[in-house]
Amino acid sequence: MARLSRALEALTGDAGTSSFDPCDATGPGAVLLLARDGAGTVIGCGAYRPLSDDGGERVAEIKRMYAEQGCGAALLAALEERARGIDGYRAVRLSTRRVNQRAVAFYERHGYRECAPYGRYVGRAQSICMAKTL
């Protein structure tokens, strides 16, 4: 997560740590996954936490996605599979900075579409909120 914070700070001027506490990934319906290379070195991370449970549609929020060495697609797929299969979520949402075009394009390639801002992102023009039905 420190590598992610440094990368975000360089790109956006904000490390992104104010919107996520690692404890958010330890409660019911939450997870933090790590990706490792063949030598066991951590090369990526991603988390989700409960966002809402509106009328039976359980929604998770993806947080702190970071990937090196091309592991992003596999890491995102693992998060989505676990969210759907183990924790029973029907949709996922996330927010990233508009300036982070690499991240926006990555999520679009994986079926995410822009959605209405939610929570702390309402009224923040620099953020783009995205969602995917699982």
N, C-alpha and C. Protein backbone atom coordinates (compact mmCIF):
# COMPACT_ATOMS: atom_id res chain seq x y z
N MET A 1 0.82 -1.18 0.00
CA MET A 1 0.00 0.00 0.00
C MET A 1 0.87 1.25 0.00
N ALA A 2 2.05 1.15 0.57
CA ALA A 2 2.96 2.30 0.56
C ALA A 2 3.37 2.64 -0.88
N ARG A 3 3.60 1.62 -1.70
CA ARG A 3 3.94 1.87 -3.11
C ARG A 3 2.78 2.53 -3.83
N LEU A 4 1.57 2.09 -3.56
CA LEU A 4 0.40 2.72 -4.15
C LEU A 4 0.31 4.18 -3.72
N SER A 5 0.48 4.44 -2.45
CA SER A 5 0.41 5.82 -1.95
C SER A 5 1.44 6.71 -2.63
N ARG A 6 2.65 6.21 -2.80
CA ARG A 6 3.69 7.00 -3.48
C ARG A 6 3.32 7.27 -4.93
N ALA A 7 2.80 6.27 -5.62
CA ALA A 7 2.41 6.43 -7.02
C ALA A 7 1.27 7.44 -7.16
N LEU A 8 0.28 7.35 -6.28
CA LEU A 8 -0.84 8.28 -6.33
C LEU A 8 -0.40 9.70 -6.00
N GLU A 9 0.46 9.82 -5.02
CA GLU A 9 0.99 11.15 -4.64
C GLU A 9 1.69 11.80 -5.83
N ALA A 10 2.50 11.03 -6.54
CA ALA A 10 3.23 11.56 -7.70
C ALA A 10 2.27 11.95 -8.82
N LEU A 11 1.22 11.18 -9.02
CA LEU A 11 0.28 11.42 -10.13
C LEU A 11 -0.74 12.50 -9.82
N THR A 12 -1.27 12.47 -8.60
CA THR A 12 -2.42 13.32 -8.28
C THR A 12 -2.14 14.38 -7.21
N GLY A 13 -1.04 14.25 -6.50
CA GLY A 13 -0.77 15.17 -5.40
C GLY A 13 -1.42 14.73 -4.09
N ASP A 14 -2.07 13.58 -4.10
CA ASP A 14 -2.76 13.06 -2.91
C ASP A 14 -2.52 11.55 -2.84
N ALA A 15 -2.05 11.06 -1.70
CA ALA A 15 -1.73 9.65 -1.55
C ALA A 15 -2.97 8.76 -1.44
N GLY A 16 -4.13 9.34 -1.26
CA GLY A 16 -5.36 8.56 -1.21
C GLY A 16 -5.59 7.82 0.10
N THR A 17 -4.81 8.09 1.11
CA THR A 17 -4.93 7.34 2.35
C THR A 17 -6.09 7.81 3.23
N SER A 18 -6.63 9.00 2.97
CA SER A 18 -7.70 9.51 3.83
C SER A 18 -9.02 8.78 3.63
N SER A 19 -9.17 8.05 2.53
CA SER A 19 -10.45 7.38 2.27
C SER A 19 -10.43 5.89 2.58
N PHE A 20 -9.35 5.42 3.21
CA PHE A 20 -9.28 3.99 3.52
C PHE A 20 -8.41 3.76 4.75
N ASP A 21 -8.96 3.03 5.68
CA ASP A 21 -8.22 2.57 6.86
C ASP A 21 -8.07 1.06 6.69
N PRO A 22 -6.86 0.51 6.81
CA PRO A 22 -6.69 -0.94 6.64
C PRO A 22 -7.66 -1.77 7.48
N CYS A 23 -8.14 -1.24 8.58
CA CYS A 23 -9.12 -1.96 9.40
C CYS A 23 -10.44 -2.14 8.66
N ASP A 24 -10.69 -1.29 7.63
CA ASP A 24 -11.90 -1.43 6.82
C ASP A 24 -11.97 -2.79 6.12
N ALA A 25 -10.84 -3.42 5.93
CA ALA A 25 -10.80 -4.70 5.22
C ALA A 25 -10.77 -5.90 6.16
N THR A 26 -11.04 -5.69 7.43
CA THR A 26 -10.97 -6.79 8.38
C THR A 26 -12.32 -7.22 8.92
N GLY A 27 -13.37 -6.46 8.65
CA GLY A 27 -14.68 -6.78 9.20
C GLY A 27 -15.46 -7.74 8.32
N PRO A 28 -16.66 -8.07 8.73
CA PRO A 28 -17.52 -8.95 7.93
C PRO A 28 -17.77 -8.35 6.55
N GLY A 29 -17.69 -9.18 5.53
CA GLY A 29 -17.96 -8.73 4.17
C GLY A 29 -16.85 -7.90 3.55
N ALA A 30 -15.66 -7.94 4.14
CA ALA A 30 -14.52 -7.18 3.64
C ALA A 30 -13.32 -8.10 3.46
N VAL A 31 -12.40 -7.68 2.60
CA VAL A 31 -11.21 -8.50 2.37
C VAL A 31 -10.08 -7.62 1.83
N LEU A 32 -8.87 -8.03 2.08
CA LEU A 32 -7.68 -7.45 1.47
C LEU A 32 -6.91 -8.60 0.85
N LEU A 33 -6.69 -8.54 -0.46
CA LEU A 33 -5.95 -9.58 -1.17
C LEU A 33 -4.58 -9.06 -1.58
N LEU A 34 -3.60 -9.93 -1.56
CA LEU A 34 -2.25 -9.61 -2.03
C LEU A 34 -1.92 -10.49 -3.22
N ALA A 35 -1.22 -9.91 -4.17
CA ALA A 35 -0.68 -10.68 -5.30
C ALA A 35 0.82 -10.80 -5.08
N ARG A 36 1.34 -11.99 -5.31
CA ARG A 36 2.77 -12.24 -5.13
C ARG A 36 3.36 -12.84 -6.40
N ASP A 37 4.64 -12.55 -6.62
CA ASP A 37 5.33 -13.17 -7.76
C ASP A 37 5.85 -14.54 -7.34
N GLY A 38 6.54 -15.23 -8.23
CA GLY A 38 7.04 -16.57 -7.97
C GLY A 38 7.99 -16.66 -6.79
N ALA A 39 8.64 -15.54 -6.46
CA ALA A 39 9.56 -15.53 -5.33
C ALA A 39 8.87 -15.14 -4.02
N GLY A 40 7.58 -14.85 -4.10
CA GLY A 40 6.84 -14.49 -2.89
C GLY A 40 6.79 -13.00 -2.60
N THR A 41 7.37 -12.19 -3.46
CA THR A 41 7.36 -10.74 -3.28
C THR A 41 5.98 -10.18 -3.62
N VAL A 42 5.47 -9.32 -2.78
CA VAL A 42 4.17 -8.70 -3.03
C VAL A 42 4.29 -7.76 -4.23
N ILE A 43 3.42 -7.98 -5.22
CA ILE A 43 3.44 -7.14 -6.42
C ILE A 43 2.09 -6.46 -6.66
N GLY A 44 1.16 -6.64 -5.75
CA GLY A 44 -0.13 -5.98 -5.90
C GLY A 44 -1.01 -6.19 -4.69
N CYS A 45 -2.03 -5.34 -4.59
CA CYS A 45 -3.00 -5.48 -3.51
C CYS A 45 -4.33 -4.89 -3.97
N GLY A 46 -5.36 -5.29 -3.31
CA GLY A 46 -6.69 -4.76 -3.56
C GLY A 46 -7.60 -5.18 -2.42
N ALA A 47 -8.56 -4.33 -2.13
CA ALA A 47 -9.48 -4.60 -1.02
C ALA A 47 -10.90 -4.26 -1.45
N TYR A 48 -11.85 -4.78 -0.70
CA TYR A 48 -13.21 -4.27 -0.78
C TYR A 48 -13.80 -4.28 0.61
N ARG A 49 -14.81 -3.44 0.75
CA ARG A 49 -15.53 -3.32 2.01
C ARG A 49 -17.00 -3.12 1.70
N PRO A 50 -17.88 -3.41 2.65
CA PRO A 50 -19.30 -3.21 2.40
C PRO A 50 -19.59 -1.73 2.14
N LEU A 51 -20.40 -1.46 1.14
CA LEU A 51 -20.81 -0.08 0.87
C LEU A 51 -22.27 0.12 1.23
N SER A 52 -23.13 -0.80 0.79
CA SER A 52 -24.55 -0.68 1.12
C SER A 52 -25.24 -2.03 0.98
N ASP A 53 -26.44 -2.06 1.51
CA ASP A 53 -27.31 -3.23 1.38
C ASP A 53 -28.72 -2.69 1.20
N ASP A 54 -28.97 -2.19 -0.01
CA ASP A 54 -30.24 -1.55 -0.31
C ASP A 54 -31.22 -2.55 -0.91
N GLY A 55 -32.23 -2.90 -0.18
CA GLY A 55 -33.28 -3.77 -0.70
C GLY A 55 -32.76 -5.08 -1.25
N GLY A 56 -31.76 -5.65 -0.60
CA GLY A 56 -31.23 -6.93 -1.04
C GLY A 56 -30.07 -6.83 -2.01
N GLU A 57 -29.80 -5.63 -2.56
CA GLU A 57 -28.65 -5.50 -3.45
C GLU A 57 -27.44 -5.10 -2.62
N ARG A 58 -26.65 -6.09 -2.31
CA ARG A 58 -25.44 -5.83 -1.54
C ARG A 58 -24.38 -5.28 -2.47
N VAL A 59 -23.78 -4.14 -2.07
CA VAL A 59 -22.78 -3.47 -2.89
C VAL A 59 -21.49 -3.34 -2.09
N ALA A 60 -20.38 -3.72 -2.73
CA ALA A 60 -19.06 -3.58 -2.12
C ALA A 60 -18.32 -2.42 -2.79
N GLU A 61 -17.42 -1.83 -2.06
CA GLU A 61 -16.57 -0.78 -2.61
C GLU A 61 -15.14 -1.28 -2.71
N ILE A 62 -14.59 -1.24 -3.91
CA ILE A 62 -13.20 -1.64 -4.12
C ILE A 62 -12.29 -0.49 -3.73
N LYS A 63 -11.25 -0.82 -2.99
CA LYS A 63 -10.31 0.19 -2.49
C LYS A 63 -8.87 -0.30 -2.67
N ARG A 64 -7.96 0.63 -2.75
CA ARG A 64 -6.51 0.41 -2.71
C ARG A 64 -6.01 -0.63 -3.71
N MET A 65 -6.52 -0.56 -4.94
CA MET A 65 -6.04 -1.44 -6.01
C MET A 65 -4.68 -0.94 -6.48
N TYR A 66 -3.72 -1.85 -6.51
CA TYR A 66 -2.39 -1.53 -7.00
C TYR A 66 -1.80 -2.81 -7.58
N ALA A 67 -1.19 -2.68 -8.76
CA ALA A 67 -0.65 -3.87 -9.40
C ALA A 67 0.62 -3.54 -10.16
N GLU A 68 1.59 -4.42 -10.04
CA GLU A 68 2.83 -4.37 -10.80
C GLU A 68 2.92 -5.64 -11.63
N GLN A 69 3.78 -5.64 -12.61
CA GLN A 69 4.09 -6.84 -13.39
C GLN A 69 2.86 -7.49 -14.02
N GLY A 70 1.90 -6.69 -14.41
CA GLY A 70 0.76 -7.22 -15.15
C GLY A 70 -0.21 -8.07 -14.37
N CYS A 71 -0.26 -7.94 -13.05
CA CYS A 71 -1.16 -8.78 -12.26
C CYS A 71 -2.51 -8.13 -11.99
N GLY A 72 -2.75 -6.94 -12.53
CA GLY A 72 -3.97 -6.21 -12.21
C GLY A 72 -5.25 -6.93 -12.58
N ALA A 73 -5.32 -7.48 -13.78
CA ALA A 73 -6.55 -8.16 -14.22
C ALA A 73 -6.85 -9.37 -13.33
N ALA A 74 -5.83 -10.14 -13.01
CA ALA A 74 -6.03 -11.32 -12.16
C ALA A 74 -6.45 -10.91 -10.75
N LEU A 75 -5.86 -9.85 -10.25
CA LEU A 75 -6.20 -9.38 -8.91
C LEU A 75 -7.64 -8.86 -8.86
N LEU A 76 -8.03 -8.07 -9.86
CA LEU A 76 -9.40 -7.57 -9.91
C LEU A 76 -10.39 -8.73 -10.05
N ALA A 77 -10.08 -9.70 -10.89
CA ALA A 77 -10.96 -10.86 -11.07
C ALA A 77 -11.11 -11.62 -9.75
N ALA A 78 -10.03 -11.77 -9.00
CA ALA A 78 -10.10 -12.47 -7.72
C ALA A 78 -10.97 -11.70 -6.72
N LEU A 79 -10.85 -10.38 -6.71
CA LEU A 79 -11.69 -9.57 -5.82
C LEU A 79 -13.17 -9.74 -6.20
N GLU A 80 -13.47 -9.63 -7.49
CA GLU A 80 -14.85 -9.76 -7.93
C GLU A 80 -15.42 -11.14 -7.65
N GLU A 81 -14.63 -12.16 -7.90
CA GLU A 81 -15.09 -13.53 -7.66
C GLU A 81 -15.40 -13.76 -6.19
N ARG A 82 -14.52 -13.29 -5.33
CA ARG A 82 -14.75 -13.46 -3.89
C ARG A 82 -15.95 -12.63 -3.44
N ALA A 83 -16.05 -11.41 -3.94
CA ALA A 83 -17.16 -10.54 -3.55
C ALA A 83 -18.50 -11.19 -3.91
N ARG A 84 -18.57 -11.74 -5.11
CA ARG A 84 -19.80 -12.38 -5.59
C ARG A 84 -20.03 -13.71 -4.90
N GLY A 85 -19.03 -14.56 -4.90
CA GLY A 85 -19.20 -15.94 -4.44
C GLY A 85 -19.22 -16.14 -2.95
N ILE A 86 -18.27 -15.55 -2.25
CA ILE A 86 -18.16 -15.78 -0.81
C ILE A 86 -19.00 -14.79 -0.01
N ASP A 87 -18.95 -13.51 -0.42
CA ASP A 87 -19.63 -12.49 0.38
C ASP A 87 -20.99 -12.08 -0.16
N GLY A 88 -21.38 -12.60 -1.32
CA GLY A 88 -22.73 -12.39 -1.82
C GLY A 88 -23.06 -11.00 -2.34
N TYR A 89 -22.07 -10.25 -2.74
CA TYR A 89 -22.34 -8.93 -3.31
C TYR A 89 -22.90 -9.08 -4.71
N ARG A 90 -23.77 -8.16 -5.10
CA ARG A 90 -24.37 -8.16 -6.43
C ARG A 90 -23.76 -7.09 -7.33
N ALA A 91 -23.04 -6.15 -6.74
CA ALA A 91 -22.41 -5.07 -7.51
C ALA A 91 -21.20 -4.55 -6.73
N VAL A 92 -20.31 -3.92 -7.47
CA VAL A 92 -19.15 -3.26 -6.86
C VAL A 92 -19.06 -1.85 -7.41
N ARG A 93 -18.55 -0.98 -6.59
CA ARG A 93 -18.31 0.41 -6.98
C ARG A 93 -16.90 0.78 -6.56
N LEU A 94 -16.42 1.85 -7.16
CA LEU A 94 -15.10 2.37 -6.79
C LEU A 94 -15.01 3.81 -7.23
N SER A 95 -14.00 4.48 -6.75
CA SER A 95 -13.70 5.83 -7.18
C SER A 95 -12.21 5.93 -7.44
N THR A 96 -11.87 6.68 -8.46
CA THR A 96 -10.47 6.98 -8.75
C THR A 96 -10.43 8.42 -9.24
N ARG A 97 -9.26 8.95 -9.38
CA ARG A 97 -9.12 10.32 -9.88
C ARG A 97 -9.23 10.33 -11.40
N ARG A 98 -9.93 11.30 -11.94
CA ARG A 98 -10.06 11.42 -13.39
C ARG A 98 -8.69 11.53 -14.07
N VAL A 99 -7.76 12.19 -13.41
CA VAL A 99 -6.43 12.37 -13.99
C VAL A 99 -5.69 11.04 -14.14
N ASN A 100 -6.11 10.04 -13.41
CA ASN A 100 -5.48 8.72 -13.48
C ASN A 100 -6.11 7.93 -14.63
N GLN A 101 -5.84 8.38 -15.85
CA GLN A 101 -6.45 7.78 -17.04
C GLN A 101 -6.10 6.30 -17.20
N ARG A 102 -4.94 5.92 -16.73
CA ARG A 102 -4.56 4.50 -16.80
C ARG A 102 -5.53 3.64 -16.00
N ALA A 103 -5.86 4.10 -14.79
CA ALA A 103 -6.80 3.36 -13.95
C ALA A 103 -8.20 3.38 -14.55
N VAL A 104 -8.65 4.54 -15.03
CA VAL A 104 -9.98 4.65 -15.62
C VAL A 104 -10.10 3.68 -16.80
N ALA A 105 -9.11 3.68 -17.68
CA ALA A 105 -9.13 2.79 -18.85
C ALA A 105 -9.10 1.33 -18.43
N PHE A 106 -8.31 1.00 -17.40
CA PHE A 106 -8.24 -0.37 -16.89
C PHE A 106 -9.62 -0.84 -16.44
N TYR A 107 -10.30 -0.04 -15.63
CA TYR A 107 -11.61 -0.44 -15.13
C TYR A 107 -12.62 -0.53 -16.27
N GLU A 108 -12.57 0.40 -17.22
CA GLU A 108 -13.49 0.33 -18.36
C GLU A 108 -13.28 -0.96 -19.16
N ARG A 109 -12.02 -1.36 -19.34
CA ARG A 109 -11.74 -2.62 -20.05
C ARG A 109 -12.33 -3.83 -19.34
N HIS A 110 -12.53 -3.70 -18.04
CA HIS A 110 -13.03 -4.81 -17.24
C HIS A 110 -14.50 -4.66 -16.88
N GLY A 111 -15.21 -3.84 -17.67
CA GLY A 111 -16.66 -3.78 -17.54
C GLY A 111 -17.22 -2.74 -16.59
N TYR A 112 -16.40 -1.88 -16.04
CA TYR A 112 -16.88 -0.83 -15.15
C TYR A 112 -17.34 0.35 -15.98
N ARG A 113 -18.40 0.99 -15.52
CA ARG A 113 -18.93 2.17 -16.19
C ARG A 113 -19.12 3.29 -15.18
N GLU A 114 -19.00 4.50 -15.66
CA GLU A 114 -19.19 5.65 -14.77
C GLU A 114 -20.58 5.61 -14.16
N CYS A 115 -20.66 5.94 -12.89
CA CYS A 115 -21.94 5.99 -12.18
C CYS A 115 -22.01 7.30 -11.40
N ALA A 116 -23.15 7.54 -10.82
CA ALA A 116 -23.33 8.75 -10.02
C ALA A 116 -22.36 8.72 -8.83
N PRO A 117 -21.83 9.89 -8.48
CA PRO A 117 -20.95 9.94 -7.30
C PRO A 117 -21.71 9.48 -6.05
N TYR A 118 -21.00 8.87 -5.13
CA TYR A 118 -21.60 8.39 -3.90
C TYR A 118 -20.73 8.81 -2.72
N GLY A 119 -21.34 8.84 -1.55
CA GLY A 119 -20.60 9.11 -0.32
C GLY A 119 -19.72 10.34 -0.38
N ARG A 120 -18.49 10.19 0.01
CA ARG A 120 -17.55 11.31 0.10
C ARG A 120 -17.17 11.87 -1.26
N TYR A 121 -17.56 11.21 -2.34
CA TYR A 121 -17.18 11.66 -3.69
C TYR A 121 -18.22 12.58 -4.33
N VAL A 122 -19.36 12.75 -3.70
CA VAL A 122 -20.37 13.67 -4.21
C VAL A 122 -19.79 15.08 -4.21
N GLY A 123 -19.89 15.75 -5.34
CA GLY A 123 -19.40 17.12 -5.44
C GLY A 123 -17.91 17.25 -5.67
N ARG A 124 -17.21 16.15 -5.87
CA ARG A 124 -15.76 16.19 -6.11
C ARG A 124 -15.50 15.94 -7.59
N ALA A 125 -15.34 17.01 -8.34
CA ALA A 125 -15.18 16.92 -9.79
C ALA A 125 -13.93 16.14 -10.19
N GLN A 126 -12.92 16.09 -9.32
CA GLN A 126 -11.68 15.39 -9.66
C GLN A 126 -11.84 13.87 -9.61
N SER A 127 -12.93 13.40 -8.99
CA SER A 127 -13.15 11.96 -8.85
C SER A 127 -14.11 11.46 -9.91
N ILE A 128 -13.91 10.22 -10.32
CA ILE A 128 -14.86 9.51 -11.17
C ILE A 128 -15.27 8.26 -10.41
N CYS A 129 -16.57 8.07 -10.28
CA CYS A 129 -17.09 6.87 -9.64
C CYS A 129 -17.52 5.90 -10.73
N MET A 130 -17.24 4.63 -10.50
CA MET A 130 -17.51 3.59 -11.50
C MET A 130 -18.18 2.41 -10.80
N ALA A 131 -18.97 1.66 -11.55
CA ALA A 131 -19.70 0.53 -10.98
C ALA A 131 -19.76 -0.62 -11.97
N LYS A 132 -19.96 -1.81 -11.42
CA LYS A 132 -20.12 -3.02 -12.23
C LYS A 132 -21.08 -3.95 -11.50
N THR A 133 -22.01 -4.53 -12.25
CA THR A 133 -22.89 -5.56 -11.70
C THR A 133 -22.13 -6.88 -11.78
N LEU A 134 -22.16 -7.63 -10.68
CA LEU A 134 -21.43 -8.92 -10.66
C LEU A 134 -22.34 -10.05 -11.11
